[in-house]
Amino acid sequence: MQRLALISVSDKSGIVPFVQTLVEKYNYKILSTGGTAKLLESEGIPTTEVSEYTGFPEMMEGRVKTLHPKIHGGLLARRDKESHMQSASDHSIEMIDLVVVNLYPFEATVAKPDTTYELAIENIDIGGPSMLRSAAKNHASVSVIVDADDYDVYLNALDDESALLALRKTLALKVFQRTASYDRAIADYLEAAQNELADEPDLNKISDIPSTFDLSLKQAKVLRYGENPHQKAALYGNFFDCFEQLQGKELSFNNIIDITAATYLIGEFQKPTVGILKHTNPCGVASDEDLVKAWEKAFATDTQAPFGGIIVVNQTVDKAFAEIVSSIFSEVIIAPSFTDEALDIFAKKKNLRLMIANGSLPADSLREVRSVIGGLLLQDRDMGSSKVTDWEVVTKRQPTEEEMRSMMFGWKVVKHVKSNAIVYTGNETTLGVGAGQMSRVDSSKIAVWKAGEANLSLEGSVICSDAFFPFADGLIAAAEAGATAVIQPGGSVRDAEVIAAADERNMTMIFTGRRHFKH
């Protein structure tokens, strides 16, 4: 028995060999449209144009071609209902067994900066989603493919009816996931366009936060487990478009979170910089004229925490750097590139994961999504820092050039430390880090203790705080530890007391006007 397949694809990758197999091995008859039909015919594949089959011409610049009862009747008719089959026979409607459709590239079109509103509208596919939804609804009898990766999967199932039935359910699910994300992309674009034309200011427009938010991401990888072995987990989205793994064990749930945190941290720096992270917190960061010197300073901050940690750099990893960092156990090393000599050294550590970070991050990395009971929280990522020109020296004493350099460095680091966050810095190096405590004073005490454990002096250091000091006690403790300069957002009702305490101790203090909480 000859089966009927309807093929209409925007992305034609792999379609020719797939259809050739359908025709030559499985005796399919092919219906097709427009450019797809021309391609198949040019490859010698017998093809019937949809307009020839329906007896109704393609019109209105291709807007109307598949919206016809002979198409949707062949997709929606239930084979187990006599009345459906009789109606099909009365109107010469053939049953369509397979639909292969991918949609006009709306998302890719609107992502281009020069796309006009009219061009965006023309790239809204109508017939494609309609055929996909009709076929997916009737997946008990109709197979539907929306993803070219499923061509071989479908062919492998054709010889096994039970496997084909199970596959149809999976393929139908993928259809509705795809059409949902497609519709959401259109809605988001139209909402943004409408906001641009609004007469009155709209907070959604100002913040670029959508009034509705849907996620539809393709599963990239099933992970061995989540944060703990008893938790199931999987990765979704395009993480592996941003990174290339050169060697090592499979990435874990925690690795992926740490890699993300490390990538955001290193993006703050232009000079050769090394960051060492543990559980997403920087435990040592330093900049210098080369990576080896930066490593020595960063590692000196805390020689215990880096065990099993993440190392991230913003320069090519060479032989000298590889030799020095290979002496400790690390989970992951991230860099823009590695020399062959460095790779040879790391090859001896087969479990060590080496990651190349691409030069740019996708647009969705500008947003953060967190799950909460009953929904999601969406926010812009905390990018950049307040401009130095907007900083205000609020004390009598102005910062020295070295103090200013240390404050600029530390202010980049502290925003990546869990709140309450305190970072002591000097000479573009972290000297002590206190993270995630319930009290800011406790974080400061931990930072001082960590510096002591590492035998690092805090005399002449800078203390960086992600939020304001609610009382003067935190600043006084920093002064007693040896700090001479403070950088913080300001904004406390007791700012005057804190400023007075700084002046009494001849400290210099800057208010940045921007907080960096990281919960």
Protein backbone atom coordinates (compact mmCIF):
# COMPACT_ATOMS: atom_id res chain seq x y z
CA MET A 1 0.00 0.00 0.00
CA GLN A 2 1.32 3.40 -0.96
CA ARG A 3 1.51 5.94 1.83
CA LEU A 4 1.21 9.70 1.46
CA ALA A 5 3.68 12.20 2.93
CA LEU A 6 3.34 15.99 2.95
CA ILE A 7 6.74 17.74 2.91
CA SER A 8 7.08 21.54 3.31
CA VAL A 9 10.24 22.79 4.98
CA SER A 10 11.90 26.17 5.36
CA ASP A 11 15.16 24.59 6.55
CA LYS A 12 15.96 22.02 3.90
CA SER A 13 18.94 20.42 5.65
CA GLY A 14 18.87 16.65 5.18
CA ILE A 15 15.47 16.63 3.49
CA VAL A 16 16.58 15.15 0.14
CA PRO A 17 18.14 11.87 1.39
CA PHE A 18 15.28 11.47 3.86
CA VAL A 19 12.61 11.76 1.17
CA GLN A 20 14.60 9.57 -1.22
CA THR A 21 14.52 6.80 1.40
CA LEU A 22 10.78 7.30 1.94
CA VAL A 23 10.11 6.93 -1.78
CA GLU A 24 12.61 4.22 -2.75
CA LYS A 25 12.45 1.96 0.30
CA TYR A 26 8.98 2.57 1.74
CA ASN A 27 6.95 3.45 -1.38
CA TYR A 28 5.76 6.89 -0.22
CA LYS A 29 3.96 9.30 -2.52
CA ILE A 30 5.10 12.88 -1.93
CA LEU A 31 3.01 16.04 -1.70
CA SER A 32 4.96 19.27 -1.43
CA THR A 33 4.88 23.05 -1.84
CA GLY A 34 6.91 25.86 -3.40
CA GLY A 35 10.66 25.71 -2.93
CA THR A 36 10.58 22.29 -1.30
CA ALA A 37 8.76 20.79 -4.30
CA LYS A 38 11.24 22.36 -6.72
CA LEU A 39 14.20 20.99 -4.75
CA LEU A 40 12.79 17.46 -4.63
CA GLU A 41 11.91 17.47 -8.32
CA SER A 42 15.41 18.74 -9.20
CA GLU A 43 16.78 15.69 -7.38
CA GLY A 44 14.61 13.37 -9.49
CA ILE A 45 12.10 12.61 -6.72
CA PRO A 46 8.51 12.29 -8.03
CA THR A 47 6.54 15.07 -6.34
CA THR A 48 2.96 16.31 -6.55
CA GLU A 49 2.41 20.00 -5.91
CA VAL A 50 -0.21 20.68 -3.23
CA SER A 51 -2.03 23.05 -5.60
CA GLU A 52 -2.29 20.25 -8.17
CA TYR A 53 -3.63 17.87 -5.51
CA THR A 54 -6.19 20.29 -4.06
CA GLY A 55 -7.20 21.74 -7.44
CA PHE A 56 -6.84 25.14 -5.88
CA PRO A 57 -3.96 27.45 -6.90
CA GLU A 58 -1.36 28.79 -4.49
CA MET A 59 -2.22 32.47 -4.16
CA MET A 60 -1.59 35.75 -2.38
CA GLU A 61 2.19 35.41 -2.62
CA GLY A 62 2.05 31.97 -1.02
CA ARG A 63 -0.06 33.00 1.97
CA VAL A 64 -2.77 30.56 0.95
CA LYS A 65 -1.70 27.13 -0.24
CA THR A 66 -2.19 24.38 2.37
CA LEU A 67 -5.28 25.75 4.17
CA HIS A 68 -7.64 23.41 2.35
CA PRO A 69 -10.06 20.57 3.34
CA LYS A 70 -8.18 18.05 1.20
CA ILE A 71 -5.08 18.73 3.32
CA HIS A 72 -6.57 19.04 6.78
CA GLY A 73 -9.19 16.38 6.13
CA GLY A 74 -6.37 13.99 5.26
CA LEU A 75 -4.64 14.90 8.51
CA LEU A 76 -7.57 15.02 10.93
CA ALA A 77 -9.74 12.14 9.74
CA ARG A 78 -9.95 9.35 12.28
CA ARG A 79 -9.22 6.09 10.58
CA ASP A 80 -11.29 4.18 13.13
CA LYS A 81 -14.50 6.15 12.47
CA GLU A 82 -16.60 5.03 9.51
CA SER A 83 -18.28 8.44 9.20
CA HIS A 84 -14.90 10.18 8.87
CA MET A 85 -13.69 7.76 6.23
CA GLN A 86 -16.96 8.03 4.30
CA SER A 87 -16.68 11.84 4.25
CA ALA A 88 -13.13 11.53 3.00
CA SER A 89 -14.22 9.17 0.23
CA ASP A 90 -17.13 11.42 -0.79
CA HIS A 91 -14.76 14.37 -1.24
CA SER A 92 -11.77 12.51 -2.72
CA ILE A 93 -9.62 13.17 0.35
CA GLU A 94 -6.60 10.88 0.68
CA MET A 95 -5.23 10.01 4.09
CA ILE A 96 -1.89 11.68 4.83
CA ASP A 97 0.36 9.40 6.88
CA LEU A 98 3.34 11.70 7.44
CA VAL A 99 3.82 15.47 7.73
CA VAL A 100 7.30 17.02 7.66
CA VAL A 101 7.21 20.75 8.30
CA ASN A 102 9.55 23.29 9.83
CA LEU A 103 8.50 26.88 10.16
CA TYR A 104 9.43 30.20 8.62
CA PRO A 105 12.47 31.49 10.56
CA PHE A 106 10.63 34.14 12.55
CA GLU A 107 13.01 34.15 15.53
CA ALA A 108 16.10 34.43 13.31
CA THR A 109 14.46 37.17 11.27
CA VAL A 110 13.53 39.45 14.18
CA ALA A 111 16.95 38.89 15.79
CA LYS A 112 18.55 40.85 12.94
CA PRO A 113 18.91 44.54 13.84
CA ASP A 114 17.74 45.79 10.43
CA THR A 115 14.49 43.77 10.34
CA THR A 116 11.45 45.93 9.61
CA TYR A 117 8.06 45.37 11.17
CA GLU A 118 6.63 44.44 7.74
CA LEU A 119 9.34 41.81 7.16
CA ALA A 120 8.73 40.34 10.60
CA ILE A 121 5.01 39.99 9.90
CA GLU A 122 5.68 38.28 6.56
CA ASN A 123 7.79 35.70 8.42
CA ILE A 124 4.89 34.59 10.59
CA ASP A 125 4.05 31.10 9.37
CA ILE A 126 0.33 30.27 9.26
CA GLY A 127 -0.03 27.13 7.17
CA GLY A 128 2.92 25.37 8.79
CA PRO A 129 1.68 25.50 12.39
CA SER A 130 -1.82 24.59 11.19
CA MET A 131 -0.59 21.42 9.48
CA LEU A 132 1.64 20.54 12.41
CA ARG A 133 -1.17 20.92 14.93
CA SER A 134 -3.64 18.94 12.83
CA ALA A 135 -1.18 16.10 12.38
CA ALA A 136 -0.10 16.14 16.03
CA LYS A 137 -3.70 16.04 17.24
CA ASN A 138 -4.27 12.91 15.16
CA HIS A 139 -0.97 11.28 16.12
CA ALA A 140 -2.71 7.94 16.64
CA SER A 141 -2.62 7.66 12.84
CA VAL A 142 -0.35 10.42 11.57
CA SER A 143 3.38 10.89 12.10
CA VAL A 144 4.64 14.46 12.24
CA ILE A 145 8.23 15.71 12.16
CA VAL A 146 9.19 19.28 13.07
CA ASP A 147 12.88 18.65 13.79
CA ALA A 148 15.37 17.43 11.18
CA ASP A 149 17.18 15.49 13.91
CA ASP A 150 14.20 13.09 13.89
CA TYR A 151 14.50 12.02 10.23
CA ASP A 152 16.67 9.01 11.00
CA VAL A 153 14.69 8.23 14.15
CA TYR A 154 11.52 7.99 12.07
CA LEU A 155 13.11 5.82 9.40
CA ASN A 156 14.41 3.43 12.04
CA ALA A 157 10.89 3.03 13.46
CA LEU A 158 9.10 2.41 10.15
CA ASP A 159 9.70 -1.35 10.27
CA ASP A 160 8.22 -1.70 13.77
CA GLU A 161 4.56 -0.66 14.14
CA SER A 162 4.65 -0.62 17.95
CA ALA A 163 7.78 1.51 17.98
CA LEU A 164 6.19 3.84 15.43
CA LEU A 165 3.10 4.36 17.59
CA ALA A 166 5.24 5.27 20.61
CA LEU A 167 7.36 7.57 18.46
CA ARG A 168 4.27 9.38 17.16
CA LYS A 169 3.40 10.43 20.71
CA THR A 170 6.89 11.81 21.24
CA LEU A 171 6.85 13.62 17.90
CA ALA A 172 3.43 15.12 18.65
CA LEU A 173 4.72 16.48 21.94
CA LYS A 174 7.66 18.10 20.15
CA VAL A 175 5.25 19.76 17.74
CA PHE A 176 3.24 21.44 20.46
CA GLN A 177 6.41 22.48 22.27
CA ARG A 178 7.71 24.03 19.06
CA THR A 179 4.50 25.83 18.12
CA ALA A 180 4.19 27.14 21.69
CA SER A 181 7.69 28.65 21.58
CA TYR A 182 7.03 29.98 18.07
CA ASP A 183 3.81 31.70 19.15
CA ARG A 184 5.57 33.11 22.21
CA ALA A 185 8.32 34.62 20.06
CA ILE A 186 5.70 36.30 17.88
CA ALA A 187 3.76 37.58 20.89
CA ASP A 188 6.94 38.96 22.49
CA TYR A 189 7.88 40.76 19.29
CA LEU A 190 4.43 42.27 18.79
CA GLU A 191 4.27 43.33 22.44
CA ALA A 192 7.62 45.10 22.16
CA ALA A 193 6.52 46.77 18.92
CA GLN A 194 3.28 47.94 20.55
CA ASN A 195 5.16 49.36 23.54
CA GLU A 196 7.30 51.43 21.19
CA LEU A 197 4.14 53.09 19.86
CA ALA A 198 2.51 53.67 23.27
CA ASP A 199 1.77 57.30 24.19
CA GLU A 200 2.26 56.83 27.94
CA PRO A 201 5.33 55.43 29.69
CA ASP A 202 4.99 51.74 30.44
CA LEU A 203 7.10 50.12 33.17
CA ASN A 204 7.21 46.91 31.14
CA LYS A 205 8.66 48.87 28.25
CA ILE A 206 11.13 50.77 30.40
CA SER A 207 12.48 47.64 32.05
CA ASP A 208 12.03 45.46 28.96
CA ILE A 209 10.33 42.88 31.18
CA PRO A 210 7.50 41.11 29.29
CA SER A 211 3.96 41.01 30.67
CA THR A 212 3.87 37.26 30.00
CA PHE A 213 6.83 34.91 30.08
CA ASP A 214 7.01 31.38 28.72
CA LEU A 215 9.94 29.02 28.47
CA SER A 216 10.23 26.33 25.83
CA LEU A 217 13.76 24.95 25.71
CA LYS A 218 15.04 21.84 24.03
CA GLN A 219 16.65 19.29 26.33
CA ALA A 220 20.39 19.46 25.77
CA LYS A 221 21.50 16.69 28.11
CA VAL A 222 20.23 14.42 30.86
CA LEU A 223 22.62 14.79 33.80
CA ARG A 224 23.74 11.99 36.08
CA TYR A 225 22.01 13.77 38.96
CA GLY A 226 21.34 17.22 40.38
CA GLU A 227 22.99 19.02 43.27
CA ASN A 228 22.89 15.71 45.18
CA PRO A 229 22.83 12.10 43.94
CA HIS A 230 19.18 11.56 44.88
CA GLN A 231 17.99 14.46 42.68
CA LYS A 232 17.20 13.91 39.00
CA ALA A 233 18.32 16.67 36.64
CA ALA A 234 18.67 17.69 33.00
CA LEU A 235 20.12 20.64 31.10
CA TYR A 236 17.97 22.63 28.67
CA GLY A 237 18.85 25.34 26.16
CA ASN A 238 22.05 26.26 24.34
CA PHE A 239 24.74 26.02 27.04
CA PHE A 240 26.93 23.93 24.73
CA ASP A 241 26.80 26.63 22.06
CA CYS A 242 28.68 28.85 24.52
CA PHE A 243 31.34 26.34 25.57
CA GLU A 244 33.41 23.54 24.06
CA GLN A 245 34.62 20.76 26.33
CA LEU A 246 38.08 19.54 25.32
CA GLN A 247 38.58 16.76 27.85
CA GLY A 248 37.46 15.36 31.18
CA LYS A 249 34.42 13.76 32.76
CA GLU A 250 30.89 14.74 31.85
CA LEU A 251 29.78 18.03 33.33
CA SER A 252 27.67 17.76 36.47
CA PHE A 253 24.77 19.94 37.58
CA ASN A 254 27.06 21.79 39.99
CA ASN A 255 29.81 22.16 37.36
CA ILE A 256 27.40 23.91 35.02
CA ILE A 257 26.28 26.35 37.72
CA ASP A 258 29.90 27.05 38.70
CA ILE A 259 30.97 27.52 35.06
CA THR A 260 28.20 30.06 34.59
CA ALA A 261 29.26 32.01 37.70
CA ALA A 262 32.92 31.88 36.66
CA THR A 263 32.14 33.13 33.15
CA TYR A 264 30.18 36.09 34.49
CA LEU A 265 33.02 36.94 36.91
CA ILE A 266 35.85 36.85 34.38
CA GLY A 267 33.83 38.99 31.98
CA GLU A 268 34.41 41.95 34.32
CA PHE A 269 38.15 42.15 33.55
CA GLN A 270 40.33 43.18 30.63
CA LYS A 271 43.82 42.75 32.14
CA PRO A 272 45.16 39.19 32.47
CA THR A 273 43.05 37.85 35.34
CA VAL A 274 42.62 34.57 37.20
CA GLY A 275 39.49 33.71 39.15
CA ILE A 276 39.20 30.71 41.49
CA LEU A 277 35.67 29.80 42.55
CA LYS A 278 34.11 27.32 44.93
CA HIS A 279 30.34 26.80 45.05
CA THR A 280 29.95 29.90 42.77
CA ASN A 281 31.81 32.16 45.25
CA PRO A 282 35.15 33.68 44.24
CA CYS A 283 37.73 32.53 46.78
CA GLY A 284 40.64 34.19 44.98
CA VAL A 285 40.82 36.72 42.14
CA ALA A 286 43.79 38.70 40.86
CA SER A 287 44.92 40.71 37.85
CA ASP A 288 48.52 41.18 36.74
CA GLU A 289 50.71 41.48 33.66
CA ASP A 290 50.49 37.74 32.95
CA LEU A 291 48.44 34.76 34.12
CA VAL A 292 51.19 33.11 36.16
CA LYS A 293 51.65 36.21 38.35
CA ALA A 294 47.87 36.62 38.59
CA TRP A 295 47.53 32.97 39.64
CA GLU A 296 50.14 33.28 42.35
CA LYS A 297 48.28 36.22 43.88
CA ALA A 298 44.81 34.69 43.49
CA PHE A 299 45.85 31.33 44.93
CA ALA A 300 47.56 33.02 47.87
CA THR A 301 44.18 34.43 48.97
CA ASP A 302 43.04 30.97 50.02
CA THR A 303 45.18 27.90 49.49
CA GLN A 304 42.57 25.46 50.84
CA ALA A 305 39.30 26.38 49.13
CA PRO A 306 40.60 25.94 45.54
CA PHE A 307 40.83 22.15 46.08
CA GLY A 308 38.13 20.78 43.78
CA GLY A 309 37.27 24.26 42.57
CA ILE A 310 36.83 26.08 39.28
CA ILE A 311 39.61 28.09 37.63
CA VAL A 312 38.73 30.71 35.02
CA VAL A 313 41.08 32.96 33.02
CA ASN A 314 40.66 35.53 30.27
CA GLN A 315 43.86 34.78 28.35
CA THR A 316 45.24 31.77 26.47
CA VAL A 317 46.49 29.08 28.85
CA ASP A 318 50.10 28.28 27.98
CA LYS A 319 52.66 25.76 29.20
CA ALA A 320 53.88 27.87 32.13
CA PHE A 321 50.38 28.39 33.50
CA ALA A 322 49.40 24.76 32.95
CA GLU A 323 52.45 23.53 34.87
CA ILE A 324 51.72 25.68 37.90
CA VAL A 325 47.95 25.00 38.17
CA SER A 326 48.23 21.28 37.46
CA SER A 327 49.81 20.86 40.88
CA ILE A 328 46.38 21.15 42.56
CA PHE A 329 43.16 19.22 42.02
CA SER A 330 40.58 21.24 40.08
CA GLU A 331 37.20 20.24 38.70
CA VAL A 332 37.14 22.62 35.72
CA ILE A 333 39.46 25.07 33.96
CA ILE A 334 37.85 27.62 31.63
CA ALA A 335 39.80 29.72 29.14
CA PRO A 336 39.41 31.33 25.71
CA SER A 337 41.98 28.85 24.36
CA PHE A 338 44.78 26.44 25.32
CA THR A 339 48.16 25.95 23.65
CA ASP A 340 49.11 22.45 22.50
CA GLU A 341 51.80 22.30 25.22
CA ALA A 342 49.20 23.12 27.88
CA LEU A 343 46.85 20.45 26.56
CA ASP A 344 49.65 17.88 26.73
CA ILE A 345 50.18 18.69 30.42
CA PHE A 346 46.49 18.54 31.28
CA ALA A 347 46.03 15.31 29.32
CA LYS A 348 47.64 13.48 32.23
CA LYS A 349 44.65 14.52 34.36
CA LYS A 350 41.96 12.66 32.43
CA ASN A 351 39.10 13.65 34.75
CA LEU A 352 39.92 17.37 34.62
CA ARG A 353 37.34 19.19 32.53
CA LEU A 354 38.83 21.74 30.13
CA MET A 355 36.36 24.23 28.70
CA ILE A 356 36.80 26.79 25.94
CA ALA A 357 34.50 29.77 26.45
CA ASN A 358 33.19 31.39 23.29
CA GLY A 359 33.80 35.09 22.88
CA SER A 360 30.19 36.17 23.29
CA LEU A 361 27.18 35.05 25.27
CA PRO A 362 23.64 34.63 23.87
CA ALA A 363 20.98 37.25 24.51
CA ASP A 364 19.17 35.06 27.03
CA SER A 365 22.22 35.25 29.31
CA LEU A 366 21.20 38.85 30.03
CA ARG A 367 18.26 37.53 32.05
CA GLU A 368 18.06 35.38 35.15
CA VAL A 369 15.17 33.04 35.88
CA ARG A 370 14.63 31.44 39.28
CA SER A 371 11.91 29.08 40.34
CA VAL A 372 9.68 29.96 43.28
CA ILE A 373 6.56 28.40 44.72
CA GLY A 374 3.78 28.88 42.19
CA GLY A 375 5.85 30.49 39.46
CA LEU A 376 9.10 32.10 38.38
CA LEU A 377 11.11 35.21 39.10
CA LEU A 378 12.63 37.00 36.12
CA GLN A 379 15.21 39.76 36.34
CA ASP A 380 17.93 41.45 34.32
CA ARG A 381 21.37 40.09 35.13
CA ASP A 382 23.42 42.37 37.39
CA MET A 383 25.74 43.57 34.66
CA GLY A 384 28.46 46.16 34.98
CA SER A 385 28.88 48.58 37.83
CA SER A 386 27.96 52.17 38.42
CA LYS A 387 30.20 54.56 36.53
CA VAL A 388 33.31 55.69 38.36
CA THR A 389 32.39 59.25 37.41
CA ASP A 390 29.20 58.83 39.45
CA TRP A 391 31.01 57.62 42.56
CA GLU A 392 31.09 60.03 45.47
CA VAL A 393 33.91 60.42 47.98
CA VAL A 394 31.96 61.12 51.18
CA THR A 395 34.88 61.43 53.61
CA LYS A 396 37.32 64.27 54.23
CA ARG A 397 40.24 62.30 52.84
CA GLN A 398 40.41 61.53 49.13
CA PRO A 399 41.60 58.05 48.04
CA THR A 400 45.15 57.59 46.87
CA GLU A 401 45.81 56.30 43.38
CA GLU A 402 46.54 52.81 44.75
CA GLU A 403 43.42 52.82 46.95
CA MET A 404 41.32 53.86 43.96
CA ARG A 405 42.77 51.07 41.85
CA SER A 406 42.02 48.53 44.57
CA MET A 407 38.47 49.83 44.98
CA MET A 408 37.78 49.57 41.25
CA PHE A 409 39.10 46.00 41.26
CA GLY A 410 37.24 44.94 44.42
CA TRP A 411 33.96 46.46 43.31
CA LYS A 412 34.00 44.12 40.30
CA VAL A 413 34.64 41.10 42.51
CA VAL A 414 32.21 41.76 45.36
CA LYS A 415 29.15 41.69 43.10
CA HIS A 416 29.90 38.01 42.38
CA VAL A 417 30.09 37.00 46.05
CA LYS A 418 26.97 35.77 47.84
CA SER A 419 25.37 38.33 50.18
CA ASN A 420 26.20 39.49 52.72
CA ALA A 421 29.44 39.99 50.79
CA ILE A 422 32.68 41.51 52.07
CA VAL A 423 35.90 41.49 50.07
CA TYR A 424 39.26 42.92 51.18
CA THR A 425 41.54 43.84 48.29
CA GLY A 426 44.92 45.37 47.57
CA ASN A 427 47.14 45.58 44.52
CA GLU A 428 44.35 44.18 42.29
CA THR A 429 44.17 41.05 44.43
CA THR A 430 41.65 39.60 46.83
CA LEU A 431 43.07 39.39 50.34
CA GLY A 432 40.07 38.04 52.22
CA VAL A 433 36.55 37.05 51.19
CA GLY A 434 33.52 36.74 53.47
CA ALA A 435 30.39 35.36 51.79
CA GLY A 436 26.79 34.54 52.51
CA GLN A 437 26.53 35.38 56.20
CA MET A 438 23.40 36.58 57.96
CA SER A 439 25.30 39.58 59.35
CA ARG A 440 27.62 41.90 57.43
CA VAL A 441 29.89 42.04 60.47
CA ASP A 442 30.13 38.24 60.42
CA SER A 443 31.14 38.32 56.74
CA SER A 444 33.80 40.88 57.58
CA LYS A 445 35.12 38.76 60.45
CA ILE A 446 35.34 35.72 58.16
CA ALA A 447 37.20 37.74 55.52
CA VAL A 448 39.67 38.95 58.14
CA TRP A 449 40.08 35.41 59.47
CA LYS A 450 40.66 34.01 55.96
CA ALA A 451 43.33 36.65 55.34
CA GLY A 452 44.99 35.66 58.60
CA GLU A 453 44.90 31.98 57.69
CA ALA A 454 46.66 32.86 54.42
CA ASN A 455 49.20 35.07 56.22
CA LEU A 456 48.11 38.07 54.18
CA SER A 457 48.34 41.50 55.76
CA LEU A 458 45.31 43.77 55.56
CA GLU A 459 47.34 46.88 56.41
CA GLY A 460 46.47 49.52 53.83
CA SER A 461 43.77 47.34 52.26
CA VAL A 462 40.40 48.30 50.83
CA ILE A 463 37.15 46.81 52.14
CA CYS A 464 34.38 46.33 49.57
CA SER A 465 30.78 45.76 50.66
CA ASP A 466 27.94 44.74 48.31
CA ALA A 467 25.42 46.78 50.33
CA PHE A 468 25.54 49.62 52.83
CA PHE A 469 26.85 49.30 56.36
CA PRO A 470 23.73 49.57 58.55
CA PHE A 471 25.88 50.53 61.54
CA ALA A 472 29.36 51.92 62.03
CA ASP A 473 30.54 48.69 63.70
CA GLY A 474 31.36 47.00 60.39
CA LEU A 475 33.53 49.89 59.28
CA ILE A 476 35.25 50.12 62.67
CA ALA A 477 36.08 46.41 62.53
CA ALA A 478 37.57 46.94 59.04
CA ALA A 479 39.70 49.80 60.33
CA GLU A 480 40.94 47.67 63.21
CA ALA A 481 41.88 44.97 60.68
CA GLY A 482 44.04 47.50 58.82
CA ALA A 483 41.77 48.77 56.03
CA THR A 484 42.29 52.39 55.04
CA ALA A 485 39.61 52.69 52.36
CA VAL A 486 35.99 51.62 51.95
CA ILE A 487 33.75 51.25 48.92
CA GLN A 488 30.04 50.62 49.45
CA PRO A 489 26.71 51.69 47.92
CA GLY A 490 25.63 53.99 50.74
CA GLY A 491 21.97 54.64 51.46
CA SER A 492 21.68 53.72 55.15
CA VAL A 493 19.74 55.96 57.54
CA ARG A 494 22.97 55.91 59.58
CA ASP A 495 25.27 56.91 56.75
CA ALA A 496 26.29 60.02 58.70
CA GLU A 497 27.48 57.86 61.62
CA VAL A 498 29.45 55.60 59.29
CA ILE A 499 31.06 58.59 57.54
CA ALA A 500 31.97 60.13 60.89
CA ALA A 501 33.56 56.86 62.02
CA ALA A 502 35.63 56.80 58.82
CA ASP A 503 36.76 60.41 59.27
CA GLU A 504 37.77 59.72 62.87
CA ARG A 505 40.08 57.00 61.61
CA ASN A 506 41.39 58.98 58.61
CA MET A 507 39.79 56.46 56.23
CA THR A 508 38.58 57.34 52.76
CA MET A 509 35.17 56.08 51.65
CA ILE A 510 33.30 56.02 48.36
CA PHE A 511 29.54 55.66 47.88
CA THR A 512 28.79 54.07 44.51
CA GLY A 513 25.01 54.47 44.64
CA ARG A 514 24.50 50.91 43.39
CA ARG A 515 23.89 47.79 45.45
CA HIS A 516 25.02 44.28 44.41
CA PHE A 517 22.99 41.79 46.43
CA LYS A 518 23.45 38.21 45.24
CA HIS A 519 21.09 35.84 47.04
